[in-house]
Amino acid sequence: MTTENIDYSKTVFLPKTSFSMRGDLTKKEPGILETWEKMDLYGKILEKNRSANPFILHDGPPYANGPIHIGTALNKILKDIVVKSHAILGYYTPYVPGWDCHGL
């Protein structure tokens, strides 16, 4: 058995990409969010679909019955996915937060 280094990169078809090998999301995300805010991306999506059928998910109030936990995050993430998928499908999807914890 040989111990020489063999360059296997030429034996496998790997596409060339400009993407970095690391996500570095903690560094990149603030810039991406800033770009989206400058573009008013959410406003453009709403305006594009304004005359379409509405899909409104009335988000409930902040949880007043206990501390935030992983289930809270999962709940918000799933609601976000549902609303955004309907926006992609062409529905008018304004975000309607809920704040009334006591029925007032």
Protein backbone atom coordinates (compact mmCIF):
# COMPACT_ATOMS: atom_id res chain seq x y z
CA MET A 1 0.00 0.00 0.00
CA THR A 2 1.40 3.40 -0.93
CA THR A 3 1.39 6.40 1.34
CA GLU A 4 1.62 8.99 -1.43
CA ASN A 5 -1.01 11.71 -1.57
CA ILE A 6 -3.37 11.23 -4.47
CA ASP A 7 -5.40 14.17 -5.78
CA TYR A 8 -8.90 12.75 -6.13
CA SER A 9 -10.45 16.12 -7.06
CA LYS A 10 -9.89 15.38 -10.74
CA THR A 11 -11.71 12.03 -10.49
CA VAL A 12 -14.99 13.49 -9.23
CA PHE A 13 -17.17 15.97 -11.11
CA LEU A 14 -17.58 18.90 -8.76
CA PRO A 15 -19.20 22.08 -10.08
CA LYS A 16 -17.28 25.32 -9.75
CA THR A 17 -19.07 27.81 -7.53
CA SER A 18 -18.43 31.24 -6.11
CA PHE A 19 -20.10 30.22 -2.85
CA SER A 20 -17.82 30.06 0.13
CA MET A 21 -17.41 26.80 2.00
CA ARG A 22 -18.73 28.36 5.18
CA GLY A 23 -22.06 30.06 5.68
CA ASP A 24 -20.82 32.68 8.17
CA LEU A 25 -24.48 33.59 8.71
CA THR A 26 -23.80 35.63 11.83
CA LYS A 27 -21.69 37.93 9.67
CA LYS A 28 -23.78 37.85 6.48
CA GLU A 29 -27.33 37.99 7.84
CA PRO A 30 -27.26 41.63 9.01
CA GLY A 31 -26.21 42.75 5.52
CA ILE A 32 -28.90 40.65 3.86
CA LEU A 33 -31.58 42.02 6.19
CA GLU A 34 -30.39 45.57 5.55
CA THR A 35 -30.62 45.01 1.79
CA TRP A 36 -34.15 43.65 2.12
CA GLU A 37 -35.17 46.63 4.28
CA LYS A 38 -33.71 49.13 1.79
CA MET A 39 -35.57 47.36 -1.03
CA ASP A 40 -38.77 47.31 1.05
CA LEU A 41 -39.08 43.69 -0.03
CA TYR A 42 -42.04 42.90 2.21
CA GLY A 43 -43.89 45.98 0.95
CA LYS A 44 -43.23 45.00 -2.66
CA ILE A 45 -44.55 41.48 -2.08
CA LEU A 46 -47.71 42.86 -0.46
CA GLU A 47 -48.22 45.41 -3.24
CA LYS A 48 -47.71 42.80 -5.97
CA ASN A 49 -50.42 40.59 -4.45
CA ARG A 50 -52.74 43.35 -3.17
CA SER A 51 -55.58 42.53 -5.59
CA ALA A 52 -55.29 38.75 -5.05
CA ASN A 53 -57.35 36.63 -2.69
CA PRO A 54 -56.31 37.30 0.90
CA PHE A 55 -54.78 34.70 3.17
CA ILE A 56 -54.66 36.10 6.69
CA LEU A 57 -53.27 34.11 9.56
CA HIS A 58 -54.20 35.96 12.72
CA ASP A 59 -51.19 35.35 14.91
CA GLY A 60 -52.12 34.92 18.53
CA PRO A 61 -50.92 37.16 21.33
CA PRO A 62 -47.50 36.83 22.88
CA TYR A 63 -47.48 33.96 25.30
CA ALA A 64 -48.50 35.18 28.73
CA ASN A 65 -48.83 31.72 30.24
CA GLY A 66 -45.17 30.88 30.75
CA PRO A 67 -41.61 31.48 29.66
CA ILE A 68 -40.58 31.23 26.01
CA HIS A 69 -39.38 27.75 25.03
CA ILE A 70 -38.51 25.77 21.90
CA GLY A 71 -42.20 25.13 21.20
CA THR A 72 -42.76 28.89 21.05
CA ALA A 73 -40.08 29.21 18.38
CA LEU A 74 -41.44 26.24 16.43
CA ASN A 75 -44.94 27.75 16.51
CA LYS A 76 -43.72 31.08 15.11
CA ILE A 77 -41.51 29.41 12.48
CA LEU A 78 -44.35 27.21 11.21
CA LYS A 79 -46.73 30.18 10.98
CA ASP A 80 -44.07 32.14 9.10
CA ILE A 81 -43.58 29.27 6.63
CA VAL A 82 -47.33 28.97 6.01
CA VAL A 83 -47.77 32.71 5.40
CA LYS A 84 -44.70 33.02 3.16
CA SER A 85 -45.66 29.97 1.11
CA HIS A 86 -49.08 31.52 0.47
CA ALA A 87 -47.39 34.78 -0.58
CA ILE A 88 -45.32 32.79 -3.08
CA LEU A 89 -48.53 31.19 -4.36
CA GLY A 90 -49.87 34.70 -5.07
CA TYR A 91 -52.14 35.37 -2.10
CA TYR A 92 -52.30 38.74 -0.37
CA THR A 93 -50.74 37.94 3.02
CA PRO A 94 -50.52 40.88 5.42
CA TYR A 95 -49.01 40.08 8.81
CA VAL A 96 -51.62 40.51 11.55
CA PRO A 97 -50.04 40.22 15.00
CA GLY A 98 -52.21 39.53 18.00
CA TRP A 99 -51.80 41.56 21.18
CA ASP A 100 -55.04 41.12 23.08
CA CYS A 101 -54.20 38.60 25.82
CA HIS A 102 -57.29 39.35 27.91
CA GLY A 103 -60.14 39.81 25.43
CA LEU A 104 -60.27 43.58 25.88
